N, C-alpha and C. Protein backbone atom coordinates (compact mmCIF):
# COMPACT_ATOMS: atom_id res chain seq x y z
N MET A 1 -10.84 -22.38 -49.80
CA MET A 1 -12.36 -22.55 -49.86
C MET A 1 -12.50 -22.83 -48.25
N ASP A 2 -13.53 -21.91 -47.74
CA ASP A 2 -13.59 -22.51 -46.30
C ASP A 2 -14.69 -23.61 -46.23
N ASP A 3 -14.73 -23.94 -44.88
CA ASP A 3 -15.57 -25.37 -44.77
C ASP A 3 -16.80 -25.33 -45.08
N THR A 4 -17.74 -24.04 -45.11
CA THR A 4 -19.04 -24.02 -45.41
C THR A 4 -19.08 -24.21 -46.96
N LEU A 5 -18.20 -23.41 -47.52
CA LEU A 5 -18.32 -23.29 -49.09
C LEU A 5 -17.85 -24.80 -49.60
N MET A 6 -17.03 -25.32 -48.92
CA MET A 6 -16.75 -26.85 -49.49
C MET A 6 -17.97 -27.70 -49.19
N LYS A 7 -18.70 -27.78 -48.21
CA LYS A 7 -19.65 -28.52 -47.81
C LYS A 7 -20.87 -28.27 -49.11
N ARG A 8 -20.98 -26.91 -49.18
CA ARG A 8 -22.09 -26.54 -50.19
C ARG A 8 -21.60 -27.06 -51.86
N ARG A 9 -20.35 -26.96 -51.84
CA ARG A 9 -19.85 -27.43 -53.30
C ARG A 9 -19.96 -29.08 -53.45
N ALA A 10 -19.61 -29.44 -52.21
CA ALA A 10 -19.86 -31.14 -52.11
C ALA A 10 -21.09 -31.65 -52.39
N ILE A 11 -22.20 -30.78 -51.71
CA ILE A 11 -23.76 -31.15 -51.78
C ILE A 11 -23.90 -30.92 -53.42
N ALA A 12 -23.61 -30.03 -53.97
CA ALA A 12 -23.76 -29.63 -55.46
C ALA A 12 -23.37 -30.72 -56.39
N LEU A 13 -22.15 -31.00 -56.19
CA LEU A 13 -21.59 -32.09 -56.77
C LEU A 13 -22.46 -33.55 -56.58
N TRP A 14 -22.88 -33.82 -55.57
CA TRP A 14 -23.51 -35.02 -55.04
C TRP A 14 -24.81 -34.92 -55.79
N ASN A 15 -25.45 -33.78 -55.77
CA ASN A 15 -26.96 -33.74 -56.41
C ASN A 15 -26.78 -33.96 -57.93
N GLU A 16 -25.56 -33.20 -58.70
CA GLU A 16 -25.20 -33.36 -60.07
C GLU A 16 -24.98 -34.93 -60.23
N ALA A 17 -23.98 -35.61 -59.50
CA ALA A 17 -23.88 -37.05 -59.65
C ALA A 17 -25.05 -37.71 -59.58
N ALA A 18 -26.04 -37.57 -58.70
CA ALA A 18 -27.24 -38.15 -58.69
C ALA A 18 -28.18 -38.23 -59.96
N GLY A 19 -28.03 -36.90 -60.47
CA GLY A 19 -28.70 -36.66 -61.66
C GLY A 19 -28.22 -37.67 -63.00
N HIS A 20 -26.84 -37.56 -63.01
CA HIS A 20 -26.31 -38.49 -64.08
C HIS A 20 -26.46 -39.93 -63.79
N GLN A 21 -26.45 -40.24 -62.47
CA GLN A 21 -26.68 -41.60 -62.29
C GLN A 21 -28.05 -42.06 -62.56
N ALA A 22 -29.11 -41.34 -62.41
CA ALA A 22 -30.49 -41.60 -62.62
C ALA A 22 -30.56 -41.71 -64.14
N ALA A 23 -29.92 -40.95 -64.89
CA ALA A 23 -29.74 -41.02 -66.39
C ALA A 23 -29.03 -42.11 -67.00
N GLY A 24 -28.36 -42.97 -66.16
CA GLY A 24 -27.60 -43.93 -66.54
C GLY A 24 -26.32 -43.78 -66.88
N ASP A 25 -25.80 -42.49 -66.70
CA ASP A 25 -24.47 -42.12 -66.97
C ASP A 25 -23.52 -42.47 -65.61
N PHE A 26 -23.17 -43.64 -65.58
CA PHE A 26 -22.67 -44.31 -64.10
C PHE A 26 -21.23 -43.61 -64.08
N ASN A 27 -20.40 -43.72 -65.13
CA ASN A 27 -18.86 -43.17 -65.10
C ASN A 27 -18.93 -41.69 -64.82
N ARG A 28 -19.82 -41.09 -65.24
CA ARG A 28 -19.94 -39.66 -64.83
C ARG A 28 -20.34 -39.30 -63.42
N ALA A 29 -21.27 -39.81 -63.05
CA ALA A 29 -21.47 -39.90 -61.70
C ALA A 29 -20.62 -40.31 -60.61
N ILE A 30 -19.76 -41.30 -60.90
CA ILE A 30 -18.63 -41.82 -60.18
C ILE A 30 -17.57 -40.59 -60.02
N GLU A 31 -17.32 -39.98 -61.15
CA GLU A 31 -16.68 -38.70 -61.18
C GLU A 31 -16.90 -37.76 -60.17
N LEU A 32 -18.05 -37.40 -60.42
CA LEU A 32 -18.90 -36.33 -59.57
C LEU A 32 -18.79 -36.78 -58.08
N TYR A 33 -19.33 -37.84 -57.84
CA TYR A 33 -19.19 -38.53 -56.39
C TYR A 33 -17.77 -38.30 -55.81
N THR A 34 -16.82 -38.68 -56.55
CA THR A 34 -15.47 -38.61 -56.15
C THR A 34 -15.20 -37.26 -55.92
N ARG A 35 -15.29 -36.35 -56.69
CA ARG A 35 -15.07 -34.99 -56.36
C ARG A 35 -15.81 -34.44 -55.20
N SER A 36 -17.08 -34.95 -55.03
CA SER A 36 -17.84 -34.47 -53.77
C SER A 36 -17.16 -34.95 -52.63
N ILE A 37 -16.62 -36.14 -52.67
CA ILE A 37 -15.88 -36.97 -51.48
C ILE A 37 -14.61 -36.19 -51.14
N GLU A 38 -13.85 -35.60 -52.02
CA GLU A 38 -12.68 -35.11 -51.99
C GLU A 38 -12.89 -33.93 -51.04
N LEU A 39 -14.09 -33.05 -51.41
CA LEU A 39 -14.32 -31.78 -50.78
C LEU A 39 -14.81 -32.08 -49.51
N HIS A 40 -15.69 -32.93 -49.34
CA HIS A 40 -16.41 -33.29 -47.94
C HIS A 40 -17.06 -34.75 -47.98
N PRO A 41 -16.35 -35.73 -47.36
CA PRO A 41 -16.68 -37.10 -47.53
C PRO A 41 -18.10 -37.12 -46.79
N THR A 42 -19.14 -37.83 -47.28
CA THR A 42 -20.40 -38.19 -46.69
C THR A 42 -20.46 -39.71 -46.78
N ALA A 43 -21.47 -40.14 -45.83
CA ALA A 43 -21.96 -41.55 -46.22
C ALA A 43 -22.70 -41.64 -47.48
N GLU A 44 -23.74 -40.58 -47.55
CA GLU A 44 -24.21 -40.55 -48.73
C GLU A 44 -23.83 -40.75 -50.23
N ALA A 45 -22.65 -40.03 -50.27
CA ALA A 45 -21.65 -39.88 -51.40
C ALA A 45 -20.96 -41.30 -51.56
N PHE A 46 -20.52 -41.79 -50.62
CA PHE A 46 -19.89 -43.24 -50.77
C PHE A 46 -20.79 -44.33 -51.32
N THR A 47 -22.05 -44.21 -50.45
CA THR A 47 -23.05 -45.11 -50.63
C THR A 47 -23.48 -45.10 -52.32
N PHE A 48 -23.76 -43.74 -52.60
CA PHE A 48 -24.29 -43.67 -53.91
C PHE A 48 -23.04 -44.16 -55.05
N ARG A 49 -21.86 -43.63 -54.87
CA ARG A 49 -20.89 -44.21 -55.57
C ARG A 49 -20.85 -45.75 -55.59
N GLY A 50 -21.07 -46.25 -54.65
CA GLY A 50 -20.95 -47.71 -54.51
C GLY A 50 -22.10 -48.21 -55.32
N TRP A 51 -23.38 -47.59 -55.32
CA TRP A 51 -24.52 -47.86 -56.20
C TRP A 51 -23.98 -47.81 -57.59
N ALA A 52 -23.35 -46.74 -58.03
CA ALA A 52 -23.07 -46.54 -59.40
C ALA A 52 -21.98 -47.58 -59.76
N TYR A 53 -21.00 -48.10 -58.90
CA TYR A 53 -20.25 -49.17 -59.32
C TYR A 53 -20.93 -50.41 -59.56
N HIS A 54 -21.96 -50.74 -58.41
CA HIS A 54 -22.85 -51.95 -58.83
C HIS A 54 -23.41 -52.04 -60.20
N PHE A 55 -23.98 -50.74 -60.50
CA PHE A 55 -24.48 -50.81 -61.73
C PHE A 55 -23.62 -51.02 -62.96
N LEU A 56 -22.21 -50.76 -62.91
CA LEU A 56 -21.11 -51.13 -63.78
C LEU A 56 -20.70 -52.88 -63.50
N GLY A 57 -21.32 -53.36 -62.58
CA GLY A 57 -20.91 -55.01 -62.42
C GLY A 57 -19.73 -55.00 -61.45
N ARG A 58 -19.37 -53.88 -60.77
CA ARG A 58 -18.34 -53.67 -60.16
C ARG A 58 -18.80 -53.96 -58.39
N VAL A 59 -19.36 -55.24 -58.31
CA VAL A 59 -19.92 -55.36 -57.02
C VAL A 59 -18.96 -55.40 -55.83
N ASP A 60 -17.95 -55.93 -55.65
CA ASP A 60 -16.92 -55.96 -54.81
C ASP A 60 -16.56 -54.28 -54.50
N ASP A 61 -16.52 -53.60 -55.52
CA ASP A 61 -16.02 -51.93 -55.18
C ASP A 61 -17.30 -51.32 -54.66
N ALA A 62 -18.48 -51.80 -55.06
CA ALA A 62 -19.64 -51.28 -54.47
C ALA A 62 -19.80 -51.51 -53.01
N ILE A 63 -19.38 -52.95 -52.62
CA ILE A 63 -19.29 -52.98 -51.14
C ILE A 63 -18.23 -52.30 -50.40
N GLU A 64 -17.13 -52.22 -50.96
CA GLU A 64 -16.08 -51.53 -50.18
C GLU A 64 -16.43 -50.06 -50.12
N GLU A 65 -17.09 -49.39 -51.10
CA GLU A 65 -17.63 -48.05 -50.90
C GLU A 65 -18.82 -47.98 -49.64
N CYS A 66 -19.65 -49.09 -49.28
CA CYS A 66 -20.59 -48.82 -48.59
C CYS A 66 -19.59 -49.04 -47.00
N LYS A 67 -18.82 -49.82 -47.11
CA LYS A 67 -18.10 -49.92 -45.74
C LYS A 67 -17.41 -48.64 -45.54
N ARG A 68 -16.94 -47.97 -46.48
CA ARG A 68 -16.37 -46.34 -46.13
C ARG A 68 -17.52 -45.61 -45.61
N ALA A 69 -18.63 -45.76 -46.36
CA ALA A 69 -19.72 -44.99 -45.91
C ALA A 69 -20.16 -45.21 -44.45
N ILE A 70 -20.18 -46.53 -44.00
CA ILE A 70 -20.40 -46.94 -42.58
C ILE A 70 -19.38 -46.28 -41.45
N GLU A 71 -17.97 -46.04 -42.20
CA GLU A 71 -16.89 -45.58 -41.27
C GLU A 71 -17.11 -44.11 -41.00
N VAL A 72 -17.70 -43.28 -42.02
CA VAL A 72 -18.12 -41.97 -42.02
C VAL A 72 -19.22 -41.73 -41.16
N ASP A 73 -20.41 -42.53 -41.20
CA ASP A 73 -21.66 -42.46 -40.52
C ASP A 73 -22.15 -43.84 -40.22
N PRO A 74 -22.00 -44.38 -39.14
CA PRO A 74 -22.48 -45.67 -38.84
C PRO A 74 -24.00 -45.75 -38.56
N ASP A 75 -24.52 -44.39 -38.26
CA ASP A 75 -26.17 -44.41 -38.27
C ASP A 75 -26.88 -44.62 -39.34
N PHE A 76 -26.24 -44.17 -40.58
CA PHE A 76 -26.76 -44.26 -41.73
C PHE A 76 -27.11 -45.65 -42.42
N GLY A 77 -28.38 -46.20 -42.46
CA GLY A 77 -28.73 -47.33 -42.80
C GLY A 77 -28.54 -47.97 -44.22
N ASN A 78 -28.67 -47.19 -44.98
CA ASN A 78 -28.66 -47.42 -46.61
C ASN A 78 -27.38 -48.32 -47.02
N PRO A 79 -26.24 -48.07 -46.54
CA PRO A 79 -25.10 -48.75 -46.77
C PRO A 79 -24.99 -50.33 -46.22
N TYR A 80 -25.70 -50.29 -44.99
CA TYR A 80 -25.89 -51.71 -44.41
C TYR A 80 -26.65 -52.74 -45.31
N ASN A 81 -27.86 -51.90 -45.87
CA ASN A 81 -28.89 -52.63 -46.78
C ASN A 81 -28.09 -52.97 -48.06
N ASP A 82 -27.44 -51.99 -48.54
CA ASP A 82 -26.86 -52.20 -49.97
C ASP A 82 -25.75 -53.25 -49.80
N ILE A 83 -25.04 -53.30 -48.99
CA ILE A 83 -23.92 -54.53 -48.67
C ILE A 83 -24.87 -55.86 -48.69
N GLY A 84 -25.79 -55.93 -47.84
CA GLY A 84 -26.87 -57.05 -47.90
C GLY A 84 -27.35 -57.46 -49.30
N ALA A 85 -27.91 -56.47 -49.93
CA ALA A 85 -28.38 -56.69 -51.13
C ALA A 85 -27.37 -57.26 -52.12
N TYR A 86 -26.16 -56.63 -52.16
CA TYR A 86 -25.13 -57.06 -52.96
C TYR A 86 -24.88 -58.53 -52.78
N LEU A 87 -24.62 -58.97 -51.48
CA LEU A 87 -24.19 -60.12 -51.11
C LEU A 87 -25.36 -61.42 -51.49
N LEU A 88 -26.50 -60.78 -51.26
CA LEU A 88 -27.64 -61.55 -51.71
C LEU A 88 -27.52 -61.77 -53.33
N ALA A 89 -27.27 -60.92 -54.08
CA ALA A 89 -27.32 -60.93 -55.33
C ALA A 89 -26.17 -61.97 -55.69
N LYS A 90 -25.14 -62.06 -55.09
CA LYS A 90 -23.86 -62.95 -55.21
C LYS A 90 -24.30 -64.46 -54.81
N GLY A 91 -25.32 -64.39 -53.82
CA GLY A 91 -25.74 -65.76 -53.30
C GLY A 91 -25.12 -66.05 -52.23
N GLN A 92 -24.59 -64.88 -51.37
CA GLN A 92 -23.98 -65.05 -50.15
C GLN A 92 -24.92 -64.95 -48.96
N PHE A 93 -25.97 -65.61 -48.86
CA PHE A 93 -26.77 -65.18 -48.18
C PHE A 93 -26.55 -65.08 -46.67
N ASP A 94 -25.84 -66.11 -45.97
CA ASP A 94 -25.44 -66.00 -44.77
C ASP A 94 -24.69 -64.72 -44.30
N GLU A 95 -23.86 -64.58 -45.11
CA GLU A 95 -22.92 -63.07 -45.01
C GLU A 95 -23.99 -61.83 -45.11
N ALA A 96 -25.04 -62.01 -45.97
CA ALA A 96 -25.96 -60.76 -46.30
C ALA A 96 -26.91 -60.54 -44.75
N ILE A 97 -27.13 -61.79 -44.29
CA ILE A 97 -28.07 -61.44 -43.18
C ILE A 97 -27.63 -60.64 -42.24
N GLU A 98 -26.36 -60.60 -41.62
CA GLU A 98 -25.66 -59.74 -40.69
C GLU A 98 -25.93 -58.35 -40.98
N TRP A 99 -25.54 -57.99 -42.16
CA TRP A 99 -25.69 -56.67 -42.71
C TRP A 99 -27.18 -56.16 -42.59
N LEU A 100 -28.04 -56.90 -43.34
CA LEU A 100 -29.39 -56.59 -43.30
C LEU A 100 -29.99 -56.37 -41.95
N GLU A 101 -29.82 -57.16 -41.00
CA GLU A 101 -30.20 -56.88 -39.69
C GLU A 101 -29.64 -55.57 -38.98
N LYS A 102 -28.57 -55.17 -39.37
CA LYS A 102 -27.92 -53.90 -38.90
C LYS A 102 -28.72 -52.88 -39.61
N ALA A 103 -29.08 -52.88 -40.98
CA ALA A 103 -29.98 -51.95 -41.56
C ALA A 103 -31.08 -51.78 -40.89
N LYS A 104 -31.69 -52.75 -40.21
CA LYS A 104 -32.91 -52.80 -39.78
C LYS A 104 -32.95 -51.88 -38.42
N SER A 105 -31.91 -51.97 -37.58
CA SER A 105 -31.92 -51.10 -36.50
C SER A 105 -31.03 -49.76 -36.57
N ALA A 106 -30.77 -49.49 -37.98
CA ALA A 106 -30.08 -48.05 -38.08
C ALA A 106 -30.81 -46.95 -37.74
N PRO A 107 -30.19 -45.95 -37.05
CA PRO A 107 -31.15 -44.74 -36.57
C PRO A 107 -31.66 -43.96 -37.77
N ARG A 108 -30.65 -43.77 -38.91
CA ARG A 108 -31.17 -42.97 -39.91
C ARG A 108 -31.31 -43.79 -41.25
N TYR A 109 -32.32 -44.27 -41.65
CA TYR A 109 -32.39 -45.01 -42.90
C TYR A 109 -33.90 -44.75 -43.44
N GLN A 110 -33.80 -44.69 -44.57
CA GLN A 110 -35.03 -44.74 -45.35
C GLN A 110 -34.77 -45.38 -46.75
N PRO A 111 -35.51 -46.19 -47.47
CA PRO A 111 -36.85 -46.85 -46.93
C PRO A 111 -36.83 -47.89 -46.22
N ARG A 112 -37.36 -47.63 -44.69
CA ARG A 112 -36.95 -48.65 -43.62
C ARG A 112 -37.40 -49.98 -44.06
N HIS A 113 -38.28 -50.39 -44.84
CA HIS A 113 -38.84 -51.58 -45.18
C HIS A 113 -37.64 -52.56 -46.23
N PHE A 114 -36.91 -51.92 -46.62
CA PHE A 114 -36.05 -52.70 -47.63
C PHE A 114 -35.32 -53.91 -47.02
N PRO A 115 -34.60 -53.67 -45.67
CA PRO A 115 -33.95 -54.89 -45.43
C PRO A 115 -34.68 -56.13 -44.92
N TYR A 116 -35.97 -55.48 -44.51
CA TYR A 116 -36.81 -56.78 -44.24
C TYR A 116 -37.27 -57.33 -45.59
N MET A 117 -37.58 -56.83 -46.63
CA MET A 117 -37.76 -57.35 -47.89
C MET A 117 -36.76 -58.29 -48.38
N ASN A 118 -35.34 -57.81 -48.30
CA ASN A 118 -34.13 -58.42 -48.67
C ASN A 118 -34.11 -59.70 -47.63
N LEU A 119 -34.29 -59.84 -46.48
CA LEU A 119 -34.20 -60.88 -45.53
C LEU A 119 -35.14 -61.76 -45.87
N GLY A 120 -36.57 -61.24 -46.34
CA GLY A 120 -37.46 -62.13 -46.62
C GLY A 120 -37.19 -62.94 -47.99
N ARG A 121 -36.42 -62.07 -49.00
CA ARG A 121 -35.89 -63.05 -50.05
C ARG A 121 -34.91 -64.19 -49.74
N ILE A 122 -34.07 -63.84 -48.77
CA ILE A 122 -32.92 -64.83 -48.40
C ILE A 122 -33.59 -66.07 -47.91
N TYR A 123 -34.41 -65.82 -46.76
CA TYR A 123 -35.06 -66.95 -46.30
C TYR A 123 -36.04 -67.75 -47.07
N ALA A 124 -36.44 -66.86 -47.93
CA ALA A 124 -37.41 -67.73 -48.94
C ALA A 124 -36.46 -68.52 -49.77
N ALA A 125 -35.46 -68.28 -50.39
CA ALA A 125 -34.27 -68.77 -51.12
C ALA A 125 -33.63 -70.02 -50.33
N LYS A 126 -33.62 -70.01 -48.89
CA LYS A 126 -33.04 -71.00 -48.11
C LYS A 126 -34.27 -72.09 -47.87
N GLY A 127 -35.55 -71.65 -48.39
CA GLY A 127 -36.71 -72.55 -48.03
C GLY A 127 -37.15 -72.45 -46.59
N MET A 128 -37.08 -71.22 -45.80
CA MET A 128 -37.48 -71.08 -44.55
C MET A 128 -38.64 -70.06 -44.83
N VAL A 129 -39.89 -70.82 -45.20
CA VAL A 129 -40.96 -69.95 -45.80
C VAL A 129 -41.45 -69.15 -44.59
N MET A 130 -41.78 -69.66 -43.32
CA MET A 130 -42.41 -69.14 -42.40
C MET A 130 -41.66 -67.87 -42.02
N ARG A 131 -40.42 -68.10 -41.69
CA ARG A 131 -39.42 -66.89 -41.55
C ARG A 131 -39.42 -65.76 -42.62
N ALA A 132 -39.53 -66.15 -43.71
CA ALA A 132 -39.66 -65.14 -44.93
C ALA A 132 -41.09 -64.36 -44.85
N ILE A 133 -42.11 -65.25 -44.54
CA ILE A 133 -43.26 -64.43 -44.38
C ILE A 133 -43.31 -63.48 -43.26
N ALA A 134 -42.74 -63.68 -42.23
CA ALA A 134 -42.52 -62.69 -41.22
C ALA A 134 -41.72 -61.55 -41.42
N GLU A 135 -40.85 -61.85 -42.22
CA GLU A 135 -40.10 -60.62 -42.63
C GLU A 135 -40.85 -59.63 -43.52
N PHE A 136 -41.54 -60.38 -44.60
CA PHE A 136 -42.41 -59.68 -45.50
C PHE A 136 -43.48 -58.91 -44.94
N GLU A 137 -44.11 -59.67 -43.91
CA GLU A 137 -45.10 -58.97 -42.86
C GLU A 137 -44.73 -57.74 -42.26
N ALA A 138 -43.57 -57.83 -41.68
CA ALA A 138 -42.88 -56.69 -40.95
C ALA A 138 -42.62 -55.54 -42.04
N ALA A 139 -42.13 -55.94 -43.25
CA ALA A 139 -41.74 -54.72 -44.27
C ALA A 139 -43.12 -53.89 -44.62
N LEU A 140 -44.44 -54.77 -44.66
CA LEU A 140 -45.63 -54.20 -44.97
C LEU A 140 -46.01 -53.40 -43.65
N LYS A 141 -45.66 -53.65 -42.56
CA LYS A 141 -46.11 -52.72 -41.17
C LYS A 141 -45.42 -51.37 -41.82
N LEU A 142 -44.11 -51.45 -42.19
CA LEU A 142 -43.40 -50.21 -42.63
C LEU A 142 -43.90 -49.37 -43.67
N ALA A 143 -44.38 -50.39 -44.72
CA ALA A 143 -44.67 -49.80 -46.02
C ALA A 143 -46.24 -50.46 -46.38
N PRO A 144 -47.09 -50.00 -45.80
CA PRO A 144 -48.42 -50.55 -45.99
C PRO A 144 -48.77 -50.57 -47.72
N GLY A 145 -49.09 -51.71 -48.06
CA GLY A 145 -49.60 -51.66 -49.78
C GLY A 145 -48.45 -51.64 -50.60
N ASP A 146 -47.25 -51.90 -50.15
CA ASP A 146 -46.12 -52.32 -51.16
C ASP A 146 -46.27 -53.28 -51.91
N ALA A 147 -46.42 -53.10 -53.20
CA ALA A 147 -46.93 -54.21 -54.18
C ALA A 147 -45.72 -55.31 -54.23
N ALA A 148 -44.57 -55.12 -54.14
CA ALA A 148 -43.53 -56.09 -54.12
C ALA A 148 -43.69 -56.91 -52.86
N CYS A 149 -43.74 -56.49 -51.72
CA CYS A 149 -44.40 -57.11 -50.48
C CYS A 149 -45.24 -57.98 -50.44
N LEU A 150 -46.55 -57.38 -51.14
CA LEU A 150 -47.56 -58.21 -51.22
C LEU A 150 -47.73 -59.44 -52.11
N GLU A 151 -47.05 -59.04 -53.26
CA GLU A 151 -46.76 -60.06 -54.31
C GLU A 151 -46.09 -61.27 -53.70
N SER A 152 -44.93 -61.21 -53.03
CA SER A 152 -44.04 -62.06 -52.36
C SER A 152 -44.62 -62.74 -51.24
N LEU A 153 -45.54 -62.03 -50.43
CA LEU A 153 -46.37 -62.78 -49.47
C LEU A 153 -47.34 -63.80 -50.11
N ALA A 154 -48.05 -63.23 -51.13
CA ALA A 154 -49.08 -64.09 -51.85
C ALA A 154 -48.18 -65.51 -52.27
N ARG A 155 -47.31 -65.19 -52.89
CA ARG A 155 -46.27 -66.40 -53.49
C ARG A 155 -45.97 -67.25 -52.32
N LEU A 156 -45.47 -66.99 -51.04
CA LEU A 156 -45.07 -67.51 -50.16
C LEU A 156 -46.16 -68.39 -49.36
N ARG A 157 -47.25 -67.59 -49.09
CA ARG A 157 -48.48 -68.27 -48.51
C ARG A 157 -49.02 -69.41 -49.40
N ALA A 158 -48.95 -69.22 -50.63
CA ALA A 158 -49.44 -70.16 -51.63
C ALA A 158 -48.54 -71.40 -51.70
N MET A 159 -47.54 -71.48 -51.20
CA MET A 159 -46.54 -72.52 -50.95
C MET A 159 -46.88 -73.30 -49.69
N LEU A 160 -47.60 -72.87 -48.72
CA LEU A 160 -48.05 -73.33 -47.57
C LEU A 160 -49.33 -74.27 -47.68
N ASN A 161 -50.00 -73.99 -48.95
CA ASN A 161 -51.12 -74.73 -49.07
C ASN A 161 -50.90 -75.98 -50.05
C-alpha cells in the first residue's frame, strides 16, 4: 500500500475508532486506534487511544499514550492537557501544573480553555483561590459563557465573601 493510501486508511480507522469510543465501546476503539497507528502514527490516534484507556481505568497507560502523542507532534496540545487532567484526577497537582502550562502554549490545540480550567481546579483544591479565579477568568476569555467556568467562578468568588 502506498503512503497516501496508508494515511487515508489510518484516518478511516481513526474515525471508526472515535465512533466506537463515543458509543462506549472502548476496547474496540483501542483495537482500531492501534491499527490506525500501525499504518500511520498520529498524535491524535495516540491521544484518543489514551483517552479510551482512561475510560477503562488504565490511567497510567493513558499517560504513556499521551507521551507518545507528544513525541509524534509536540505542537499538538491535547495530550499535554490530558496528562495534566489525568494527574489532577490522581491528586498529583504539582506534577499536573507543568503539563497544563505546556497545553496553554501549544500552537495546535482546541478547546484552548481546558488547561486553564484544569489549572483553576488545581489551584482551588490547593486553597489558592485568587490564582484559581485568574485561571477561570482566562478560560472565559477564550470560551465566553462556558457554563462550567461561570459556575466555578461564582463558587470561588463566594468563598471570598
